[in-house]
Amino acid sequence: MSDKTPIKRWPEDEKPREKLLKYGEHKLTDTELLAILIRTGSKGETAVDIARRIMQRFSSFRNMSHTSIHKWKDIKGLGSAKLCQIKAAIEIGRRFGEEELKGQKVKISGPEDVFFLLLPRMRDLKKEIFILLHLDSKNRVFDKTEIEEGTVNQANPIVREIFQKAMENFSVSIICVHNHPSGDPTPSREDIDFTKTLVKAGELLNIKVVDHIIIGDNTYYSFARTGFM
């Protein structure tokens, strides 16, 4: 069957949507899943052809998730509507990875629990953000707050916001997490100074700071694990 043959003329078992309905989504390739989102082709190309070119460019859905919109603009056959569908689907998948926090309280036994919990959200970000985990008396996460404004270079403003959020949520203790867009979680001098300020503020307000964790590319640094806290 020629690649240029319209999908509607393909054998039923080869059409992505029909294949999904018959065998289940887990049987489809990444290209076929992407083709379902794209829905229709363009002149001389099927949706699968376009999906194949996208996969060749980005290699994985993860790479697609952290690539800015303007880097998609020159892909032939991919208009704004199709691009929005792809980006929305990828974001749904990312948020699904955070669902643990919504339906149940996650007990934190060590920094690796935090790492695996927040890695899908933080590992590919191109800007630095903070996430504050609110813990109860049994070290279980009952809520999280994302703080996008401010960095460790502006320690005092962000520390005030962190503890304001902690008090509003009646947190017994907190874990502060931020990412290094470079992928290297090694703490900077600013990270170290920020952590000292954070711990002192927690002592004054009687809110325990359990850890400050820096997430990089599939790795992390824990101030508590290294004996800093």
C-alpha atoms as a PDB file:
ATOM      1  CA  MET A   1       0.000   0.000   0.000  1.00  0.00           C
ATOM      2  CA  SER A   2       1.478   3.364  -1.044  1.00  0.00           C
ATOM      3  CA  ASP A   3       2.102   5.958   1.693  1.00  0.00           C
ATOM      4  CA  LYS A   4       0.119   8.408  -0.431  1.00  0.00           C
ATOM      5  CA  THR A   5      -3.040   6.286  -0.348  1.00  0.00           C
ATOM      6  CA  PRO A   6      -5.697   8.087   1.749  1.00  0.00           C
ATOM      7  CA  ILE A   7      -6.212   6.461   5.151  1.00  0.00           C
ATOM      8  CA  LYS A   8      -9.896   5.857   4.399  1.00  0.00           C
ATOM      9  CA  ARG A   9      -8.804   3.429   1.651  1.00  0.00           C
ATOM     10  CA  TRP A  10      -6.436   1.494   3.913  1.00  0.00           C
ATOM     11  CA  PRO A  11      -7.417  -1.998   5.148  1.00  0.00           C
ATOM     12  CA  GLU A  12      -9.492  -1.706   8.313  1.00  0.00           C
ATOM     13  CA  ASP A  13      -6.790  -3.278  10.526  1.00  0.00           C
ATOM     14  CA  GLU A  14      -4.279  -0.641   9.406  1.00  0.00           C
ATOM     15  CA  LYS A  15      -6.362   2.474  10.059  1.00  0.00           C
ATOM     16  CA  PRO A  16      -5.209   4.000  13.375  1.00  0.00           C
ATOM     17  CA  ARG A  17      -8.667   4.716  14.803  1.00  0.00           C
ATOM     18  CA  GLU A  18     -10.117   1.375  13.771  1.00  0.00           C
ATOM     19  CA  LYS A  19      -7.019  -0.396  15.076  1.00  0.00           C
ATOM     20  CA  LEU A  20      -7.384   1.363  18.435  1.00  0.00           C
ATOM     21  CA  LEU A  21     -11.050   0.403  18.742  1.00  0.00           C
ATOM     22  CA  LYS A  22     -10.379  -3.217  17.808  1.00  0.00           C
ATOM     23  CA  TYR A  23      -7.136  -3.925  19.679  1.00  0.00           C
ATOM     24  CA  GLY A  24      -6.782  -1.132  22.257  1.00  0.00           C
ATOM     25  CA  GLU A  25      -4.645   1.999  22.390  1.00  0.00           C
ATOM     26  CA  HIS A  26      -1.657   0.102  23.829  1.00  0.00           C
ATOM     27  CA  LYS A  27      -1.274  -1.697  20.485  1.00  0.00           C
ATOM     28  CA  LEU A  28      -0.662   1.502  18.533  1.00  0.00           C
ATOM     29  CA  THR A  29       2.754   2.953  17.766  1.00  0.00           C
ATOM     30  CA  ASP A  30       3.648   6.491  18.816  1.00  0.00           C
ATOM     31  CA  THR A  31       3.187   7.562  15.213  1.00  0.00           C
ATOM     32  CA  GLU A  32      -0.297   6.043  15.019  1.00  0.00           C
ATOM     33  CA  LEU A  33      -1.362   7.678  18.293  1.00  0.00           C
ATOM     34  CA  LEU A  34      -0.120  11.029  17.026  1.00  0.00           C
ATOM     35  CA  ALA A  35      -1.930  10.517  13.706  1.00  0.00           C
ATOM     36  CA  ILE A  36      -5.231  10.121  15.566  1.00  0.00           C
ATOM     37  CA  LEU A  37      -4.691  13.546  17.140  1.00  0.00           C
ATOM     38  CA  ILE A  38      -3.803  15.086  13.783  1.00  0.00           C
ATOM     39  CA  ARG A  39      -6.952  13.497  12.291  1.00  0.00           C
ATOM     40  CA  THR A  40      -6.572  14.603   8.668  1.00  0.00           C
ATOM     41  CA  GLY A  41      -3.689  14.910   6.243  1.00  0.00           C
ATOM     42  CA  SER A  42      -2.767  17.628   3.807  1.00  0.00           C
ATOM     43  CA  LYS A  43      -2.292  17.626   0.051  1.00  0.00           C
ATOM     44  CA  GLY A  44      -0.350  14.519  -0.925  1.00  0.00           C
ATOM     45  CA  GLU A  45       0.101  13.314   2.686  1.00  0.00           C
ATOM     46  CA  THR A  46      -1.896  11.307   5.179  1.00  0.00           C
ATOM     47  CA  ALA A  47      -2.137  12.096   8.876  1.00  0.00           C
ATOM     48  CA  VAL A  48       0.265   9.199   9.453  1.00  0.00           C
ATOM     49  CA  ASP A  49       2.804  10.794   7.098  1.00  0.00           C
ATOM     50  CA  ILE A  50       2.671  14.042   9.067  1.00  0.00           C
ATOM     51  CA  ALA A  51       2.901  12.155  12.364  1.00  0.00           C
ATOM     52  CA  ARG A  52       5.906  10.228  11.083  1.00  0.00           C
ATOM     53  CA  ARG A  53       7.729  13.453  10.193  1.00  0.00           C
ATOM     54  CA  ILE A  54       6.967  14.895  13.637  1.00  0.00           C
ATOM     55  CA  MET A  55       8.319  11.790  15.372  1.00  0.00           C
ATOM     56  CA  GLN A  56      11.449  11.911  13.225  1.00  0.00           C
ATOM     57  CA  ARG A  57      12.044  15.499  14.301  1.00  0.00           C
ATOM     58  CA  PHE A  58      11.351  15.200  18.033  1.00  0.00           C
ATOM     59  CA  SER A  59      11.998  11.459  18.644  1.00  0.00           C
ATOM     60  CA  SER A  60       9.697  11.266  21.682  1.00  0.00           C
ATOM     61  CA  PHE A  61       6.608  12.755  23.308  1.00  0.00           C
ATOM     62  CA  ARG A  62       8.825  14.017  26.111  1.00  0.00           C
ATOM     63  CA  ASN A  63      10.844  16.115  23.666  1.00  0.00           C
ATOM     64  CA  MET A  64       7.617  17.477  22.221  1.00  0.00           C
ATOM     65  CA  SER A  65       6.410  18.513  25.665  1.00  0.00           C
ATOM     66  CA  HIS A  66       9.184  21.015  26.323  1.00  0.00           C
ATOM     67  CA  THR A  67       9.642  22.384  22.793  1.00  0.00           C
ATOM     68  CA  SER A  68       8.272  25.881  22.289  1.00  0.00           C
ATOM     69  CA  ILE A  69       5.405  26.500  19.878  1.00  0.00           C
ATOM     70  CA  HIS A  70       7.485  28.464  17.378  1.00  0.00           C
ATOM     71  CA  LYS A  71       9.678  25.421  16.695  1.00  0.00           C
ATOM     72  CA  TRP A  72       6.624  23.621  15.290  1.00  0.00           C
ATOM     73  CA  LYS A  73       5.575  26.344  12.873  1.00  0.00           C
ATOM     74  CA  ASP A  74       7.546  25.110   9.878  1.00  0.00           C
ATOM     75  CA  ILE A  75       6.117  21.579   9.938  1.00  0.00           C
ATOM     76  CA  LYS A  76       4.190  21.179   6.698  1.00  0.00           C
ATOM     77  CA  GLY A  77       0.572  20.156   7.134  1.00  0.00           C
ATOM     78  CA  LEU A  78       0.422  21.099  10.806  1.00  0.00           C
ATOM     79  CA  GLY A  79      -1.836  24.103  11.350  1.00  0.00           C
ATOM     80  CA  SER A  80      -2.675  25.843  14.609  1.00  0.00           C
ATOM     81  CA  ALA A  81      -5.682  23.629  15.364  1.00  0.00           C
ATOM     82  CA  LYS A  82      -3.706  20.389  14.998  1.00  0.00           C
ATOM     83  CA  LEU A  83      -0.801  21.789  16.972  1.00  0.00           C
ATOM     84  CA  CYS A  84      -3.129  22.791  19.814  1.00  0.00           C
ATOM     85  CA  GLN A  85      -4.615  19.282  19.864  1.00  0.00           C
ATOM     86  CA  ILE A  86      -1.162  17.710  20.162  1.00  0.00           C
ATOM     87  CA  LYS A  87       0.022  20.124  22.845  1.00  0.00           C
ATOM     88  CA  ALA A  88      -3.201  19.669  24.823  1.00  0.00           C
ATOM     89  CA  ALA A  89      -2.920  15.868  24.708  1.00  0.00           C
ATOM     90  CA  ILE A  90       0.687  15.970  25.896  1.00  0.00           C
ATOM     91  CA  GLU A  91      -0.281  18.275  28.765  1.00  0.00           C
ATOM     92  CA  ILE A  92      -3.087  15.903  29.766  1.00  0.00           C
ATOM     93  CA  GLY A  93      -0.536  13.095  29.912  1.00  0.00           C
ATOM     94  CA  ARG A  94       1.785  15.204  32.063  1.00  0.00           C
ATOM     95  CA  ARG A  95      -0.984  16.116  34.477  1.00  0.00           C
ATOM     96  CA  PHE A  96      -2.008  12.473  34.720  1.00  0.00           C
ATOM     97  CA  GLY A  97       1.430  11.857  36.215  1.00  0.00           C
ATOM     98  CA  GLU A  98       0.523  14.216  39.058  1.00  0.00           C
ATOM     99  CA  GLU A  99      -2.827  12.638  39.860  1.00  0.00           C
ATOM    100  CA  GLU A 100      -1.479  10.976  43.019  1.00  0.00           C
ATOM    101  CA  LEU A 101      -1.708  14.279  44.853  1.00  0.00           C
ATOM    102  CA  LYS A 102      -5.390  14.770  44.094  1.00  0.00           C
ATOM    103  CA  GLY A 103      -7.102  11.610  45.220  1.00  0.00           C
ATOM    104  CA  GLN A 104      -4.973  10.487  48.127  1.00  0.00           C
ATOM    105  CA  LYS A 105      -2.352  11.603  50.588  1.00  0.00           C
ATOM    106  CA  VAL A 106       1.130  10.508  49.582  1.00  0.00           C
ATOM    107  CA  LYS A 107       3.433   9.620  52.449  1.00  0.00           C
ATOM    108  CA  ILE A 108       6.969  10.954  52.063  1.00  0.00           C
ATOM    109  CA  SER A 109       9.643   8.620  53.395  1.00  0.00           C
ATOM    110  CA  GLY A 110      12.610  10.230  51.668  1.00  0.00           C
ATOM    111  CA  PRO A 111      13.659  12.611  48.889  1.00  0.00           C
ATOM    112  CA  GLU A 112      13.281   9.932  46.232  1.00  0.00           C
ATOM    113  CA  ASP A 113       9.512   9.932  46.879  1.00  0.00           C
ATOM    114  CA  VAL A 114       9.407  13.651  46.115  1.00  0.00           C
ATOM    115  CA  PHE A 115      11.636  13.193  43.094  1.00  0.00           C
ATOM    116  CA  PHE A 116       9.426  10.586  41.440  1.00  0.00           C
ATOM    117  CA  LEU A 117       6.294  12.512  42.369  1.00  0.00           C
ATOM    118  CA  LEU A 118       7.368  15.795  40.762  1.00  0.00           C
ATOM    119  CA  LEU A 119       9.749  14.668  38.021  1.00  0.00           C
ATOM    120  CA  PRO A 120       7.087  14.636  35.258  1.00  0.00           C
ATOM    121  CA  ARG A 121       6.260  18.267  36.021  1.00  0.00           C
ATOM    122  CA  MET A 122       9.725  19.704  36.575  1.00  0.00           C
ATOM    123  CA  ARG A 123      12.427  17.918  34.610  1.00  0.00           C
ATOM    124  CA  ASP A 124      11.952  19.654  31.242  1.00  0.00           C
ATOM    125  CA  LEU A 125      10.975  23.164  32.270  1.00  0.00           C
ATOM    126  CA  LYS A 126      12.916  25.993  30.655  1.00  0.00           C
ATOM    127  CA  LYS A 127      12.365  28.329  33.583  1.00  0.00           C
ATOM    128  CA  GLU A 128      12.911  27.916  37.296  1.00  0.00           C
ATOM    129  CA  ILE A 129       9.841  27.348  39.453  1.00  0.00           C
ATOM    130  CA  PHE A 130       9.212  26.357  43.058  1.00  0.00           C
ATOM    131  CA  ILE A 131       6.755  23.793  44.290  1.00  0.00           C
ATOM    132  CA  LEU A 132       5.812  23.742  47.940  1.00  0.00           C
ATOM    133  CA  LEU A 133       4.579  20.442  49.364  1.00  0.00           C
ATOM    134  CA  HIS A 134       2.323  20.730  52.418  1.00  0.00           C
ATOM    135  CA  LEU A 135       2.660  17.850  54.894  1.00  0.00           C
ATOM    136  CA  ASP A 136       0.478  16.737  57.804  1.00  0.00           C
ATOM    137  CA  SER A 137       1.630  15.274  61.126  1.00  0.00           C
ATOM    138  CA  LYS A 138       2.189  11.853  59.495  1.00  0.00           C
ATOM    139  CA  ASN A 139       4.469  13.248  56.785  1.00  0.00           C
ATOM    140  CA  ARG A 140       1.778  12.872  54.146  1.00  0.00           C
ATOM    141  CA  VAL A 141       1.367  15.388  51.338  1.00  0.00           C
ATOM    142  CA  PHE A 142      -2.122  16.850  51.405  1.00  0.00           C
ATOM    143  CA  ASP A 143      -1.625  19.746  49.004  1.00  0.00           C
ATOM    144  CA  LYS A 144       0.951  21.495  46.840  1.00  0.00           C
ATOM    145  CA  THR A 145       1.501  25.082  45.837  1.00  0.00           C
ATOM    146  CA  GLU A 146       3.338  26.144  42.698  1.00  0.00           C
ATOM    147  CA  ILE A 147       5.235  29.402  42.970  1.00  0.00           C
ATOM    148  CA  GLU A 148       6.387  30.669  39.592  1.00  0.00           C
ATOM    149  CA  GLU A 149       7.406  34.187  40.584  1.00  0.00           C
ATOM    150  CA  GLY A 150      10.772  34.700  42.207  1.00  0.00           C
ATOM    151  CA  THR A 151      13.965  32.701  42.349  1.00  0.00           C
ATOM    152  CA  VAL A 152      16.618  31.931  44.943  1.00  0.00           C
ATOM    153  CA  ASN A 153      18.274  35.169  43.869  1.00  0.00           C
ATOM    154  CA  GLN A 154      15.274  36.895  45.433  1.00  0.00           C
ATOM    155  CA  ALA A 155      15.287  34.814  48.595  1.00  0.00           C
ATOM    156  CA  ASN A 156      13.376  37.001  51.018  1.00  0.00           C
ATOM    157  CA  PRO A 157      10.282  37.613  48.852  1.00  0.00           C
ATOM    158  CA  ILE A 158       9.921  33.953  47.978  1.00  0.00           C
ATOM    159  CA  VAL A 159      10.518  32.791  51.582  1.00  0.00           C
ATOM    160  CA  ARG A 160       7.724  35.095  52.746  1.00  0.00           C
ATOM    161  CA  GLU A 161       5.385  33.652  50.129  1.00  0.00           C
ATOM    162  CA  ILE A 162       6.328  30.082  51.015  1.00  0.00           C
ATOM    163  CA  PHE A 163       5.477  30.477  54.687  1.00  0.00           C
ATOM    164  CA  GLN A 164       2.387  32.520  53.983  1.00  0.00           C
ATOM    165  CA  LYS A 165       1.092  29.601  51.897  1.00  0.00           C
ATOM    166  CA  ALA A 166       2.166  27.114  54.575  1.00  0.00           C
ATOM    167  CA  MET A 167       0.257  28.982  57.298  1.00  0.00           C
ATOM    168  CA  GLU A 168      -2.818  29.381  55.109  1.00  0.00           C
ATOM    169  CA  ASN A 169      -2.859  25.597  54.641  1.00  0.00           C
ATOM    170  CA  PHE A 170      -2.104  24.843  58.325  1.00  0.00           C
ATOM    171  CA  SER A 171       0.902  22.800  57.259  1.00  0.00           C
ATOM    172  CA  VAL A 172       2.721  20.930  60.014  1.00  0.00           C
ATOM    173  CA  SER A 173       5.817  20.767  57.848  1.00  0.00           C
ATOM    174  CA  ILE A 174       6.854  21.565  54.296  1.00  0.00           C
ATOM    175  CA  ILE A 175       9.190  20.429  51.548  1.00  0.00           C
ATOM    176  CA  CYS A 176      10.455  23.010  49.092  1.00  0.00           C
ATOM    177  CA  VAL A 177      11.357  21.858  45.593  1.00  0.00           C
ATOM    178  CA  HIS A 178      12.746  23.750  42.641  1.00  0.00           C
ATOM    179  CA  ASN A 179      14.276  22.830  39.317  1.00  0.00           C
ATOM    180  CA  HIS A 180      17.487  23.687  37.525  1.00  0.00           C
ATOM    181  CA  PRO A 181      16.670  24.170  33.826  1.00  0.00           C
ATOM    182  CA  SER A 182      20.302  23.300  33.011  1.00  0.00           C
ATOM    183  CA  GLY A 183      19.619  19.731  34.161  1.00  0.00           C
ATOM    184  CA  ASP A 184      22.412  19.843  36.760  1.00  0.00           C
ATOM    185  CA  PRO A 185      20.942  19.790  40.308  1.00  0.00           C
ATOM    186  CA  THR A 186      24.183  20.815  42.029  1.00  0.00           C
ATOM    187  CA  PRO A 187      23.262  23.638  44.436  1.00  0.00           C
ATOM    188  CA  SER A 188      24.628  27.111  43.783  1.00  0.00           C
ATOM    189  CA  ARG A 189      25.749  29.523  46.492  1.00  0.00           C
ATOM    190  CA  GLU A 190      22.331  31.198  46.139  1.00  0.00           C
ATOM    191  CA  ASP A 191      20.619  27.818  46.678  1.00  0.00           C
ATOM    192  CA  ILE A 192      22.619  27.248  49.857  1.00  0.00           C
ATOM    193  CA  ASP A 193      21.945  30.743  51.229  1.00  0.00           C
ATOM    194  CA  PHE A 194      18.261  30.402  50.371  1.00  0.00           C
ATOM    195  CA  THR A 195      18.038  27.093  52.232  1.00  0.00           C
ATOM    196  CA  LYS A 196      19.644  28.607  55.336  1.00  0.00           C
ATOM    197  CA  THR A 197      17.090  31.432  55.259  1.00  0.00           C
ATOM    198  CA  LEU A 198      14.278  28.942  54.716  1.00  0.00           C
ATOM    199  CA  VAL A 199      15.275  26.783  57.698  1.00  0.00           C
ATOM    200  CA  LYS A 200      15.655  29.793  60.036  1.00  0.00           C
ATOM    201  CA  ALA A 201      12.249  31.131  59.045  1.00  0.00           C
ATOM    202  CA  GLY A 202      10.681  27.726  59.669  1.00  0.00           C
ATOM    203  CA  GLU A 203      12.186  27.582  63.154  1.00  0.00           C
ATOM    204  CA  LEU A 204      10.787  31.020  63.998  1.00  0.00           C
ATOM    205  CA  LEU A 205       7.311  30.109  62.731  1.00  0.00           C
ATOM    206  CA  ASN A 206       7.324  26.568  64.150  1.00  0.00           C
ATOM    207  CA  ILE A 207       6.875  25.022  60.706  1.00  0.00           C
ATOM    208  CA  LYS A 208       9.434  22.316  60.059  1.00  0.00           C
ATOM    209  CA  VAL A 209      11.279  22.431  56.764  1.00  0.00           C
ATOM    210  CA  VAL A 210      11.776  18.728  56.020  1.00  0.00           C
ATOM    211  CA  ASP A 211      13.882  19.204  52.896  1.00  0.00           C
ATOM    212  CA  HIS A 212      14.828  21.434  50.024  1.00  0.00           C
ATOM    213  CA  ILE A 213      15.202  19.409  46.838  1.00  0.00           C
ATOM    214  CA  ILE A 214      16.619  20.506  43.494  1.00  0.00           C
ATOM    215  CA  ILE A 215      15.449  18.528  40.475  1.00  0.00           C
ATOM    216  CA  GLY A 216      17.543  18.222  37.326  1.00  0.00           C
ATOM    217  CA  ASP A 217      17.398  15.917  34.333  1.00  0.00           C
ATOM    218  CA  ASN A 218      16.477  12.534  35.854  1.00  0.00           C
ATOM    219  CA  THR A 219      18.476  13.324  38.980  1.00  0.00           C
ATOM    220  CA  TYR A 220      18.124  15.415  42.126  1.00  0.00           C
ATOM    221  CA  TYR A 221      19.937  16.970  45.067  1.00  0.00           C
ATOM    222  CA  SER A 222      18.532  16.760  48.604  1.00  0.00           C
ATOM    223  CA  PHE A 223      19.787  19.151  51.283  1.00  0.00           C
ATOM    224  CA  ALA A 224      18.379  16.845  53.972  1.00  0.00           C
ATOM    225  CA  ARG A 225      20.073  13.769  52.496  1.00  0.00           C
ATOM    226  CA  THR A 226      23.442  15.556  52.559  1.00  0.00           C
ATOM    227  CA  GLY A 227      23.051  16.477  56.237  1.00  0.00           C
ATOM    228  CA  PHE A 228      22.431  20.162  55.689  1.00  0.00           C
ATOM    229  CA  MET A 229      19.085  20.177  57.528  1.00  0.00           C
END
